[in-house]
Protein backbone atom coordinates (compact mmCIF):
# COMPACT_ATOMS: atom_id res chain seq x y z
CA MET A 1 18.63 2.18 -28.75
CA SER A 2 18.13 -1.24 -27.44
CA ASP A 3 20.58 -4.10 -28.13
CA ALA A 4 17.32 -6.40 -29.07
CA LEU A 5 16.53 -3.69 -31.93
CA ARG A 6 20.38 -4.02 -33.30
CA LYS A 7 19.76 -7.61 -33.28
CA LEU A 8 16.26 -7.52 -34.96
CA ILE A 9 16.75 -5.17 -37.71
CA THR A 10 18.64 -6.84 -40.50
CA GLN A 11 18.89 -6.80 -44.40
CA GLN A 12 15.87 -8.77 -44.32
CA SER A 13 13.61 -7.60 -41.74
CA PHE A 14 11.30 -5.59 -44.03
CA SER A 15 11.66 -8.34 -47.07
CA LYS A 16 8.30 -9.92 -46.82
CA ILE A 17 6.26 -6.75 -46.42
CA ARG A 18 4.16 -5.27 -49.52
CA ALA A 19 3.48 -1.54 -49.25
CA LEU A 20 0.87 0.39 -51.33
CA VAL A 21 1.58 4.27 -51.74
CA VAL A 22 -0.56 6.78 -53.24
CA GLY A 23 0.02 10.47 -53.18
CA ASP A 24 1.52 13.49 -55.25
CA VAL A 25 4.56 12.36 -57.08
CA MET A 26 6.84 14.78 -58.74
CA LEU A 27 10.36 15.44 -59.98
CA ASP A 28 13.17 17.04 -58.24
CA GLN A 29 15.55 18.11 -60.64
CA TYR A 30 18.90 19.76 -59.74
CA TRP A 31 21.38 22.29 -61.53
CA PHE A 32 24.73 21.90 -59.89
CA GLY A 33 27.40 24.65 -60.59
CA ALA A 34 29.33 27.76 -59.22
CA VAL A 35 28.97 31.36 -58.98
CA HIS A 36 31.66 34.17 -59.90
CA ARG A 37 29.64 36.85 -60.44
CA ILE A 38 26.87 38.97 -60.04
CA SER A 39 24.25 39.42 -63.35
CA PRO A 40 24.89 42.96 -65.12
CA GLU A 41 20.71 42.41 -65.69
CA ALA A 42 19.92 42.26 -61.93
CA PRO A 43 21.36 41.92 -58.39
CA VAL A 44 21.56 38.36 -58.53
CA PRO A 45 24.01 35.54 -58.59
CA VAL A 46 24.74 33.92 -62.16
CA LEU A 47 24.85 30.36 -61.89
CA ALA A 48 27.56 28.84 -64.27
CA VAL A 49 25.81 25.22 -64.48
CA GLN A 50 28.35 22.43 -64.92
CA SER A 51 25.65 19.08 -64.04
CA GLU A 52 22.12 18.12 -63.89
CA GLU A 53 20.45 15.71 -62.06
CA ALA A 54 16.98 14.19 -61.85
CA ARG A 55 15.28 12.20 -58.53
CA ALA A 56 11.68 10.97 -57.61
CA GLY A 57 9.78 13.25 -55.42
CA GLY A 58 7.27 13.03 -52.93
CA ALA A 59 5.67 9.78 -52.73
CA ALA A 60 7.63 8.68 -55.60
CA ASN A 61 10.69 9.32 -52.92
CA VAL A 62 8.36 7.40 -50.19
CA ALA A 63 8.44 4.73 -52.50
CA HIS A 64 11.90 4.25 -53.31
CA ASN A 65 12.47 4.84 -49.55
CA ILE A 66 10.06 1.61 -49.11
CA THR A 67 12.20 -0.75 -51.59
CA ALA A 68 15.63 1.06 -50.29
CA LEU A 69 14.38 -0.64 -46.79
CA GLY A 70 13.96 -3.73 -48.51
CA ALA A 71 10.39 -4.05 -48.53
CA ALA A 72 7.90 -4.28 -51.95
CA CYS A 73 6.01 -1.41 -53.04
CA GLU A 74 3.43 -0.49 -55.28
CA LEU A 75 3.05 3.16 -56.49
CA VAL A 76 -0.28 5.01 -57.31
CA SER A 77 -0.41 8.19 -58.38
CA VAL A 78 -0.91 10.80 -61.59
CA VAL A 79 2.06 12.19 -64.04
CA GLY A 80 1.38 14.36 -67.10
CA PRO A 81 2.35 13.24 -70.65
CA ASP A 82 5.41 14.47 -70.66
CA SER A 83 9.31 13.89 -69.96
CA ALA A 84 9.05 14.60 -66.30
CA GLY A 85 6.44 11.67 -65.62
CA GLU A 86 8.36 9.53 -67.85
CA GLN A 87 11.63 9.66 -65.56
CA ILE A 88 9.77 9.65 -62.23
CA LYS A 89 8.36 6.07 -63.83
CA GLU A 90 11.74 5.11 -64.48
CA ILE A 91 13.29 6.45 -61.78
CA VAL A 92 11.03 4.07 -59.33
CA GLU A 93 11.07 1.21 -61.33
CA SER A 94 14.82 1.04 -61.63
CA ASN A 95 14.73 1.23 -57.83
CA GLY A 96 12.50 -1.77 -57.62
CA VAL A 97 8.82 -0.07 -57.36
CA SER A 98 5.90 -1.45 -59.18
CA ALA A 99 4.59 2.12 -60.40
CA LYS A 100 0.86 2.62 -61.82
CA LEU A 101 1.14 6.03 -62.93
CA LEU A 102 -1.93 7.49 -64.39
CA ILE A 103 -1.57 10.03 -67.59
CA ASP A 104 -3.61 12.92 -67.03
CA SER A 105 -3.54 14.70 -70.68
CA LYS A 106 -4.51 17.99 -69.26
CA ILE A 107 -1.44 18.37 -66.96
CA LYS A 108 1.87 18.50 -66.73
CA THR A 109 4.09 16.70 -64.08
CA ILE A 110 4.86 18.72 -60.83
CA VAL A 111 8.31 19.58 -60.98
CA LYS A 112 10.86 21.32 -58.41
CA LEU A 113 14.06 22.58 -59.81
CA ARG A 114 16.51 23.19 -57.14
CA MET A 115 19.81 25.70 -58.62
CA ILE A 116 22.85 24.56 -56.23
CA ALA A 117 26.20 26.33 -55.85
CA GLN A 118 29.08 25.33 -53.66
CA ASN A 119 26.28 23.12 -51.42
CA GLN A 120 24.23 26.12 -50.89
CA GLN A 121 20.84 26.28 -52.67
CA LEU A 122 20.42 29.81 -54.44
CA LEU A 123 16.73 28.76 -55.55
CA ARG A 124 13.95 26.87 -56.21
CA ALA A 125 11.34 26.96 -59.01
CA ASP A 126 7.86 24.90 -58.49
CA PHE A 127 5.89 23.93 -61.74
CA ASP A 128 2.57 22.47 -60.02
CA GLN A 129 -0.61 21.84 -61.61
CA MET A 130 -3.97 19.69 -60.05
CA PRO A 131 -5.06 16.55 -61.46
CA THR A 132 -8.21 16.72 -63.26
CA SER A 133 -11.35 15.01 -61.20
CA GLU A 134 -11.71 12.39 -64.18
CA VAL A 135 -8.22 11.01 -63.52
CA LEU A 136 -8.35 10.93 -59.99
CA ALA A 137 -11.42 8.93 -60.03
CA ARG A 138 -9.68 6.37 -62.22
CA CYS A 139 -6.82 6.88 -59.69
CA LEU A 140 -9.04 5.65 -56.99
CA ASP A 141 -10.14 2.77 -59.03
CA ASP A 142 -6.32 1.65 -59.06
CA PHE A 143 -5.97 2.03 -55.41
CA ARG A 144 -8.98 -0.33 -55.06
CA ALA A 145 -7.43 -2.82 -57.18
CA SER A 146 -4.14 -2.65 -55.64
CA LEU A 147 -5.45 -2.76 -52.07
CA PRO A 148 -6.10 -6.21 -51.27
CA ASN A 149 -1.97 -6.75 -51.92
CA ALA A 150 -0.96 -4.32 -49.64
CA ASP A 151 0.41 -5.20 -45.72
CA VAL A 152 0.48 -1.39 -44.95
CA LEU A 153 -1.25 1.83 -46.64
CA ILE A 154 0.98 5.14 -47.38
CA LEU A 155 -0.67 8.05 -48.14
CA SER A 156 2.02 10.98 -49.14
CA ASP A 157 0.11 14.39 -49.18
CA TYR A 158 2.37 17.38 -50.28
CA GLY A 159 -1.25 19.65 -51.21
CA LYS A 160 -1.29 19.16 -55.29
CA GLY A 161 -4.75 17.48 -55.19
CA GLY A 162 -3.55 13.68 -55.66
CA LEU A 163 -5.05 12.74 -52.59
CA THR A 164 -8.69 14.25 -53.00
CA HIS A 165 -10.22 11.07 -52.05
CA VAL A 166 -8.08 10.61 -49.35
CA SER A 167 -11.29 10.19 -46.65
CA ASP A 168 -12.69 7.42 -49.01
CA MET A 169 -9.32 5.77 -48.82
CA ILE A 170 -8.60 5.14 -45.54
CA LYS A 171 -12.47 4.21 -45.34
CA HIS A 172 -11.41 1.37 -47.75
CA ALA A 173 -8.39 0.48 -46.03
CA THR A 174 -9.63 0.23 -42.44
CA ALA A 175 -12.78 -1.88 -43.87
CA ALA A 176 -9.90 -4.23 -45.07
CA ASN A 177 -8.20 -3.93 -41.89
CA VAL A 178 -4.74 -2.35 -43.74
CA PRO A 179 -2.98 0.44 -41.21
CA VAL A 180 -3.07 3.56 -42.79
CA ILE A 181 0.13 6.31 -42.39
CA ILE A 182 -0.27 9.15 -43.46
CA ASP A 183 1.87 12.17 -44.05
CA PRO A 184 -0.06 15.14 -43.95
CA LYS A 185 -0.64 18.72 -45.21
CA GLY A 186 -2.40 21.97 -44.85
CA ASP A 187 -4.20 22.87 -41.86
CA ASP A 188 -7.63 20.93 -41.97
CA TYR A 189 -6.95 17.42 -41.06
CA SER A 190 -10.40 16.53 -40.66
CA ARG A 191 -10.13 14.08 -43.94
CA TYR A 192 -7.43 12.33 -42.10
CA ALA A 193 -9.70 11.10 -39.67
CA GLY A 194 -9.47 7.27 -38.69
CA ALA A 195 -6.16 6.84 -39.74
CA SER A 196 -3.81 4.54 -38.17
CA LEU A 197 -1.18 7.28 -37.49
CA ILE A 198 -0.37 10.59 -38.97
CA THR A 199 3.23 12.32 -39.26
CA PRO A 200 3.36 16.24 -39.35
CA ASN A 201 6.40 18.13 -38.59
CA MET A 202 5.87 20.73 -35.82
CA LYS A 203 5.17 23.27 -37.95
CA GLU A 204 2.46 21.60 -39.49
CA PHE A 205 1.00 20.66 -35.80
CA GLU A 206 0.85 24.26 -35.16
CA ALA A 207 -0.59 25.28 -38.05
CA VAL A 208 -3.77 23.14 -37.10
CA VAL A 209 -3.47 23.24 -33.33
CA GLY A 210 -2.29 26.61 -32.68
CA PRO A 211 0.95 27.85 -31.03
CA VAL A 212 2.59 25.31 -28.44
CA LYS A 213 4.07 27.32 -25.42
CA ASP A 214 5.39 24.28 -23.26
CA GLU A 215 5.71 20.54 -23.16
CA ALA A 216 2.10 20.46 -21.46
CA ASP A 217 0.30 22.41 -23.70
CA PHE A 218 2.12 20.11 -26.36
CA LEU A 219 0.73 16.98 -24.77
CA ARG A 220 -2.74 18.35 -24.17
CA LYS A 221 -2.94 19.73 -27.99
CA ALA A 222 -1.69 16.39 -29.00
CA LEU A 223 -3.97 14.36 -27.20
CA LYS A 224 -6.91 16.87 -28.43
CA LEU A 225 -5.73 16.08 -32.03
CA LYS A 226 -5.51 12.42 -31.64
CA GLN A 227 -8.68 12.07 -30.11
CA ASP A 228 -10.57 14.74 -32.96
CA LEU A 229 -9.57 12.70 -35.29
CA ASN A 230 -10.22 9.01 -34.11
CA LEU A 231 -6.45 8.13 -34.64
CA LYS A 232 -4.53 4.88 -33.28
CA ALA A 233 -1.03 7.00 -32.83
CA LEU A 234 0.30 10.62 -33.51
CA LEU A 235 3.80 11.24 -34.39
CA VAL A 236 5.50 14.81 -34.61
CA THR A 237 8.81 15.46 -35.79
CA ARG A 238 10.16 18.26 -33.83
CA SER A 239 13.82 19.46 -35.04
CA GLU A 240 16.16 19.85 -32.57
CA LYS A 241 13.80 18.17 -30.02
CA GLY A 242 13.53 15.09 -31.85
CA MET A 243 10.31 12.80 -32.21
CA THR A 244 7.50 12.51 -30.43
CA LEU A 245 5.12 9.61 -30.57
CA ILE A 246 1.55 9.69 -28.58
CA THR A 247 0.43 5.95 -28.33
CA GLN A 248 -2.47 4.12 -29.03
CA ASP A 249 -3.10 4.10 -25.23
CA ASN A 250 -2.13 7.88 -25.29
CA GLN A 251 1.17 7.26 -23.70
CA GLN A 252 3.76 10.10 -24.92
CA ILE A 253 7.03 8.25 -26.16
CA ASN A 254 9.92 10.49 -26.82
CA SER A 255 13.18 9.86 -28.94
CA PRO A 256 15.89 12.58 -29.05
CA ALA A 257 17.19 14.09 -31.88
CA ILE A 258 20.75 12.31 -33.07
CA ALA A 259 23.47 14.83 -32.91
CA LEU A 260 24.74 14.88 -36.48
CA GLU A 261 25.83 17.24 -38.81
CA VAL A 262 22.51 18.54 -40.99
CA PHE A 263 23.13 18.95 -44.64
CA ASP A 264 19.87 18.94 -45.90
CA VAL A 265 16.34 18.22 -44.83
CA SER A 266 14.74 17.59 -48.21
CA GLY A 267 12.50 14.16 -48.27
CA ALA A 268 13.31 13.26 -44.60
CA GLY A 269 9.75 13.30 -43.77
CA ASP A 270 9.44 10.70 -46.68
CA THR A 271 11.99 8.84 -45.09
CA VAL A 272 10.30 9.09 -41.42
CA ILE A 273 6.67 7.77 -42.81
CA SER A 274 8.33 4.95 -44.69
CA LEU A 275 9.88 3.35 -41.97
CA MET A 276 7.15 4.35 -39.51
CA ALA A 277 4.98 1.99 -41.89
CA LEU A 278 7.50 -0.99 -42.05
CA ALA A 279 8.03 -0.62 -38.35
CA HIS A 280 4.12 -1.02 -37.98
CA ALA A 281 3.68 -3.57 -40.29
CA ILE A 282 6.54 -6.10 -38.61
CA GLY A 283 5.20 -5.32 -35.14
CA LEU A 284 7.92 -3.41 -33.67
CA THR A 285 7.48 -1.58 -30.19
CA ALA A 286 6.33 2.12 -30.24
CA GLN A 287 10.01 3.08 -28.68
CA ASP A 288 12.04 1.01 -31.12
CA SER A 289 9.94 2.16 -34.03
CA LEU A 290 10.62 5.67 -33.09
CA ASP A 291 14.36 5.26 -32.36
CA LEU A 292 14.58 3.25 -35.78
CA ALA A 293 12.94 6.39 -37.28
CA ASN A 294 15.48 8.77 -35.52
CA VAL A 295 18.09 6.95 -37.07
CA VAL A 296 16.89 6.54 -40.88
CA ALA A 297 16.37 10.42 -40.24
CA SER A 298 19.78 11.09 -39.25
CA ILE A 299 21.10 9.17 -42.35
CA VAL A 300 19.10 11.12 -45.12
CA VAL A 301 19.63 14.36 -43.68
CA GLY A 302 23.51 13.69 -44.17
CA LYS A 303 22.58 13.70 -47.59
CA LEU A 304 22.37 16.47 -50.45
CA GLY A 305 18.98 17.04 -51.82
CA THR A 306 15.92 14.36 -52.16
CA ALA A 307 17.43 11.03 -50.71
CA VAL A 308 17.01 7.48 -49.07
CA ALA A 309 18.09 5.56 -46.31
CA SER A 310 19.05 2.06 -47.47
CA ILE A 311 18.52 -1.38 -45.68
CA ASP A 312 22.50 -1.41 -45.56
CA ASP A 313 22.80 2.37 -44.60
CA VAL A 314 20.37 1.45 -41.45
CA VAL A 315 22.57 -1.66 -40.39
CA THR A 316 25.48 -0.32 -40.53
CA ARG A 317 24.73 2.87 -38.51
CA LEU A 318 22.73 0.77 -35.89
CA ASN A 319 26.36 -1.09 -35.41
CA LYS A 320 28.11 2.06 -35.20
CA LYS A 321 25.88 2.74 -32.22
CA LYS A 322 27.26 -0.58 -29.91
């Protein structure tokens, strides 16, 4: 971590950046409690629920991370006509996000329910529905209307249908000279062609390029994927190996993992992509961007559940590393 980066990153570093986030939003619900017995009906634990909490997840968590880091953010997505959709809007707007959440009357808002006892997750229940084509077309219109105000575009793909028009979005953003940062999903990345940066984790990367044998094989496959998709850069998060960035000029830059206690990895990818987008927007070097992304990731994995890293968290952590 360079001293120059520590001096550069302040509470105002990202304050002039306007980000546009588009993708799959969801409500992350948590039931916290204790387990004292096994059910007489089946060999499963009985959770005595003591408290409940709801947080914005998916693209909504990305938007929350953007504002927590001090930038302005507009969020474009789709929800259902239900309390979960209302909660997402309330959460993000209370955290400074400008939300354009279209209501699709034919679906329910995506919800992920986690049941937790003694800080251990017992079960996760997902409630997923794909938006209708009519509402997705309106969502694309909202995206086009918001794009001229953006310094950077983040496309948060959770594979729930909200980015059906992702190729069109990339083309529009490229024509407007707005960098496109994508958190990808699935095993077909062809629709992400032309993006400025995509940020798969190692499991997602190998699902597309095949198993990686060693470092030389990793680099070969990373360079090929970057070339095939005409990407400006490729970032792969690699768990205990840290992060690797393939730059625009095909250089490999590594940032080792920060040795801290990992409490929960939920939402860490949302935080990394948010930081990389803002770092790109203010012109940080590739190495500084990667090192800073590692710092914010280390912050959120030390928190329970879907979390954010605030700019105050980041500045404090950087100062501790002097």
